């Protein structure tokens, strides 16, 4: 049995899995979709604003994050303005978002670092983005895709859950899921994965009771972990 250094699965099995996963992704990608970061990209937020909005969005609902980010950027649209902001004033604006104390500290510190280490510009590489306070792999991936149009796969709770439910991956955390998806899909598809799976996870493939009867890929889905469905 032939094996590669990356996996113990037979090469023929891997090719079949890749083809099935790509077919599912193509079907899902051909539906009209709306996500917070997709909307921010349409509105042509700066790379800095995209970064800050993504940091704010962690563990927060889109409908909460979007208007708060808009209010924040009216007063602090640049790294220079946010880096010199009074933390209490920032907290007052973002207090409806979860973990607002930590997020206030992180977005002000990230603004300082952008000015001091990156000449006032948001870095456009994964390595440099991960140096910024409040930035993990998911946030960095979002900035690369939505601000710089670079190939990356941001994995949040929706992408992690859907990837495992569809049988794309068998992983325990988002970082492992990102590794799995990068191996499974050709790079030219990476940029659409977050938008596609986030939208699917919010509208059809919900965590507790997914609407399987309405799903466009129901015949190809193994429904891993699904106990109740509509």
Protein backbone atom coordinates (compact mmCIF):
# COMPACT_ATOMS: atom_id res chain seq x y z
CA UNK A 1 0.00 0.00 0.00
CA UNK A 2 1.48 3.31 -1.08
CA UNK A 3 1.67 6.03 1.54
CA UNK A 4 2.90 9.59 1.66
CA UNK A 5 4.86 11.25 4.44
CA UNK A 6 1.84 13.43 5.33
CA UNK A 7 -0.79 10.76 5.86
CA UNK A 8 -1.28 7.03 6.35
CA UNK A 9 -4.16 6.92 3.87
CA UNK A 10 -3.64 5.31 0.45
CA UNK A 11 -2.98 7.85 -2.31
CA UNK A 12 -6.05 6.69 -4.27
CA UNK A 13 -8.23 7.21 -1.19
CA UNK A 14 -6.81 10.69 -0.68
CA UNK A 15 -7.54 11.62 -4.30
CA UNK A 16 -11.15 10.44 -3.95
CA UNK A 17 -11.55 12.38 -0.71
CA UNK A 18 -10.09 15.51 -2.31
CA UNK A 19 -12.44 15.22 -5.27
CA UNK A 20 -15.51 14.73 -3.06
CA UNK A 21 -14.54 17.64 -0.80
CA UNK A 22 -13.97 19.92 -3.79
CA UNK A 23 -17.34 18.97 -5.26
CA UNK A 24 -19.07 19.85 -1.97
CA UNK A 25 -17.20 23.15 -1.70
CA UNK A 26 -18.13 24.11 -5.26
CA UNK A 27 -21.82 23.42 -4.62
CA UNK A 28 -21.83 25.48 -1.42
CA UNK A 29 -19.78 28.28 -2.99
CA UNK A 30 -22.38 28.71 -5.75
CA UNK A 31 -24.96 30.01 -3.27
CA UNK A 32 -25.28 33.71 -2.51
CA UNK A 33 -23.66 34.31 0.85
CA UNK A 34 -23.23 37.11 3.33
CA UNK A 35 -20.68 37.23 6.14
CA UNK A 36 -19.45 40.06 8.32
CA UNK A 37 -15.93 40.12 6.88
CA UNK A 38 -17.28 39.79 3.37
CA UNK A 39 -19.44 42.84 4.01
CA UNK A 40 -16.50 44.76 5.44
CA UNK A 41 -14.48 43.95 2.31
CA UNK A 42 -17.30 45.27 0.09
CA UNK A 43 -17.23 48.50 2.07
CA UNK A 44 -13.49 48.73 1.42
CA UNK A 45 -12.26 48.96 4.98
CA UNK A 46 -8.56 49.64 5.27
CA UNK A 47 -6.26 46.77 6.24
CA UNK A 48 -5.98 48.35 9.70
CA UNK A 49 -9.74 48.54 10.13
CA UNK A 50 -10.14 44.96 8.92
CA UNK A 51 -7.57 43.85 11.47
CA UNK A 52 -9.27 45.66 14.35
CA UNK A 53 -12.74 44.49 13.31
CA UNK A 54 -11.53 40.90 13.22
CA UNK A 55 -9.95 41.15 16.68
CA UNK A 56 -13.23 42.57 17.98
CA UNK A 57 -15.26 39.79 16.34
CA UNK A 58 -13.72 36.99 18.41
CA UNK A 59 -16.48 35.31 20.44
CA UNK A 60 -18.96 37.97 19.39
CA UNK A 61 -21.96 37.97 17.06
CA UNK A 62 -21.66 39.71 13.72
CA UNK A 63 -24.74 41.83 14.38
CA UNK A 64 -23.02 43.13 17.52
CA UNK A 65 -19.56 43.59 16.05
CA UNK A 66 -20.42 45.46 12.84
CA UNK A 67 -22.12 48.58 14.28
CA UNK A 68 -19.58 48.79 17.12
CA UNK A 69 -16.66 48.60 14.67
CA UNK A 70 -18.29 51.30 12.56
CA UNK A 71 -18.63 53.56 15.62
CA UNK A 72 -15.04 52.90 16.66
CA UNK A 73 -13.64 53.76 13.23
CA UNK A 74 -15.51 57.06 13.10
CA UNK A 75 -13.38 58.22 16.03
CA UNK A 76 -10.23 56.11 15.56
CA UNK A 77 -9.80 55.25 11.86
CA UNK A 78 -5.99 54.89 11.86
CA UNK A 79 -3.25 53.27 13.96
CA UNK A 80 -2.04 56.71 15.04
CA UNK A 81 -5.43 57.74 16.40
CA UNK A 82 -6.20 54.42 18.10
CA UNK A 83 -2.73 54.09 19.62
CA UNK A 84 -3.21 57.42 21.42
CA UNK A 85 -6.79 56.73 22.47
CA UNK A 86 -7.91 56.82 26.08
CA UNK A 87 -8.63 53.17 27.00
CA UNK A 88 -11.74 54.19 28.94
CA UNK A 89 -13.13 55.92 25.84
CA UNK A 90 -12.48 52.82 23.74
CA UNK A 91 -14.09 50.57 26.35
CA UNK A 92 -17.17 52.78 26.35
CA UNK A 93 -17.58 52.20 22.61
CA UNK A 94 -16.93 48.44 22.54
CA UNK A 95 -18.34 47.43 25.93
CA UNK A 96 -21.24 45.48 24.37
CA UNK A 97 -18.71 43.09 22.85
CA UNK A 98 -17.50 40.17 24.96
CA UNK A 99 -14.06 40.46 26.58
CA UNK A 100 -14.01 44.20 25.92
CA UNK A 101 -11.31 44.86 28.54
CA UNK A 102 -8.83 42.50 26.91
CA UNK A 103 -9.82 43.61 23.40
CA UNK A 104 -9.32 47.27 24.30
CA UNK A 105 -5.83 46.49 25.53
CA UNK A 106 -5.02 44.42 22.46
CA UNK A 107 -6.25 46.81 19.77
CA UNK A 108 -4.42 49.77 21.32
CA UNK A 109 -1.23 47.70 21.74
CA UNK A 110 -1.52 46.37 18.17
CA UNK A 111 -1.83 49.96 16.92
CA UNK A 112 1.34 50.90 18.82
CA UNK A 113 3.23 47.97 17.32
CA UNK A 114 2.06 48.77 13.79
CA UNK A 115 3.48 52.26 14.21
CA UNK A 116 6.70 51.28 15.97
CA UNK A 117 7.67 48.08 14.13
CA UNK A 118 5.85 48.15 10.80
CA UNK A 119 6.12 51.83 9.77
CA UNK A 120 2.40 52.45 10.26
CA UNK A 121 1.27 49.68 7.90
CA UNK A 122 -0.45 46.41 8.76
CA UNK A 123 1.94 43.55 7.87
CA UNK A 124 0.84 41.24 5.08
CA UNK A 125 2.53 38.00 6.12
CA UNK A 126 1.32 35.37 8.58
CA UNK A 127 4.58 35.48 10.52
CA UNK A 128 4.41 39.24 11.13
CA UNK A 129 0.68 39.36 11.79
CA UNK A 130 1.06 36.78 14.55
CA UNK A 131 3.39 39.18 16.38
CA UNK A 132 0.54 41.62 16.96
CA UNK A 133 -1.35 41.51 20.29
CA UNK A 134 -4.72 39.80 19.99
CA UNK A 135 -3.84 38.13 16.70
CA UNK A 136 -3.93 34.36 16.39
CA UNK A 137 -3.96 32.22 13.29
CA UNK A 138 -7.65 32.82 12.59
CA UNK A 139 -7.42 36.62 12.81
CA UNK A 140 -4.23 36.63 10.75
CA UNK A 141 -5.85 34.46 8.09
CA UNK A 142 -8.86 36.78 7.89
CA UNK A 143 -6.61 39.81 7.39
CA UNK A 144 -4.63 38.02 4.67
CA UNK A 145 -7.79 37.02 2.79
CA UNK A 146 -10.08 39.99 3.28
CA UNK A 147 -7.58 42.85 3.46
CA UNK A 148 -4.77 41.65 1.17
CA UNK A 149 -6.55 39.11 -1.07
CA UNK A 150 -3.90 36.50 -0.23
CA UNK A 151 -4.34 32.74 -0.09
CA UNK A 152 -5.17 31.63 3.46
CA UNK A 153 -7.81 29.60 5.28
CA UNK A 154 -9.15 31.39 8.38
CA UNK A 155 -10.76 28.79 10.64
CA UNK A 156 -13.28 29.90 13.24
CA UNK A 157 -15.77 27.76 15.17
CA UNK A 158 -18.10 27.50 12.16
CA UNK A 159 -15.39 26.40 9.73
CA UNK A 160 -13.99 23.95 12.29
CA UNK A 161 -17.42 22.42 13.01
CA UNK A 162 -18.58 22.21 9.39
CA UNK A 163 -15.27 20.74 8.18
CA UNK A 164 -15.60 17.90 10.68
CA UNK A 165 -19.33 17.41 10.14
CA UNK A 166 -18.82 17.10 6.37
CA UNK A 167 -15.97 14.64 6.88
CA UNK A 168 -13.31 16.93 5.41
CA UNK A 169 -11.29 16.66 8.61
CA UNK A 170 -11.17 14.77 11.86
CA UNK A 171 -9.65 17.33 14.18
CA UNK A 172 -9.98 18.66 17.73
CA UNK A 173 -9.16 22.35 17.31
CA UNK A 174 -9.26 25.09 14.64
CA UNK A 175 -5.49 25.17 14.05
CA UNK A 176 -5.47 21.45 13.24
CA UNK A 177 -8.47 22.00 10.99
CA UNK A 178 -6.58 24.75 9.15
CA UNK A 179 -3.69 22.33 8.58
CA UNK A 180 -6.12 19.67 7.34
CA UNK A 181 -7.90 22.01 4.91
CA UNK A 182 -4.63 23.34 3.52
CA UNK A 183 -3.64 19.78 2.62
CA UNK A 184 -7.08 18.86 1.29
CA UNK A 185 -7.77 21.79 -1.05
CA UNK A 186 -5.62 23.33 -3.80
CA UNK A 187 -4.41 26.80 -2.83
CA UNK A 188 -6.57 28.53 -5.45
CA UNK A 189 -9.65 27.57 -3.41
CA UNK A 190 -8.39 28.72 0.00
CA UNK A 191 -9.82 32.25 -0.12
CA UNK A 192 -13.44 31.10 -0.55
CA UNK A 193 -13.46 28.49 2.22
CA UNK A 194 -14.09 30.82 5.17
CA UNK A 195 -16.95 32.79 3.55
CA UNK A 196 -18.54 29.60 2.20
CA UNK A 197 -18.46 27.50 5.36
CA UNK A 198 -19.26 30.36 7.75
CA UNK A 199 -22.36 31.24 5.74
CA UNK A 200 -23.39 27.57 5.53
CA UNK A 201 -22.85 27.14 9.27
CA UNK A 202 -25.00 30.13 10.15
CA UNK A 203 -27.88 29.54 7.75
CA UNK A 204 -28.22 25.78 7.20
CA UNK A 205 -25.71 23.63 9.09
CA UNK A 206 -26.36 25.06 12.55
CA UNK A 207 -24.65 23.57 15.61
CA UNK A 208 -27.59 21.91 17.40
CA UNK A 209 -30.32 21.28 14.84
CA UNK A 210 -29.08 21.67 11.26
CA UNK A 211 -31.62 22.11 8.46
CA UNK A 212 -30.53 18.99 6.59
CA UNK A 213 -33.71 18.90 4.47
CA UNK A 214 -32.75 22.28 2.97
CA UNK A 215 -29.06 21.48 2.47
CA UNK A 216 -27.71 21.48 -1.08
CA UNK A 217 -25.10 18.84 -0.19
CA UNK A 218 -27.27 16.60 1.98
CA UNK A 219 -26.68 13.59 -0.28
CA UNK A 220 -22.91 13.92 0.08
CA UNK A 221 -22.80 14.71 3.80
CA UNK A 222 -22.00 11.97 6.34
CA UNK A 223 -23.66 14.14 9.06
CA UNK A 224 -20.86 13.38 11.52
CA UNK A 225 -21.97 14.28 15.04
CA UNK A 226 -25.51 15.27 13.99
CA UNK A 227 -28.08 14.06 16.51
CA UNK A 228 -31.10 16.20 15.63
CA UNK A 229 -32.01 17.72 12.28
CA UNK A 230 -34.80 19.61 10.57
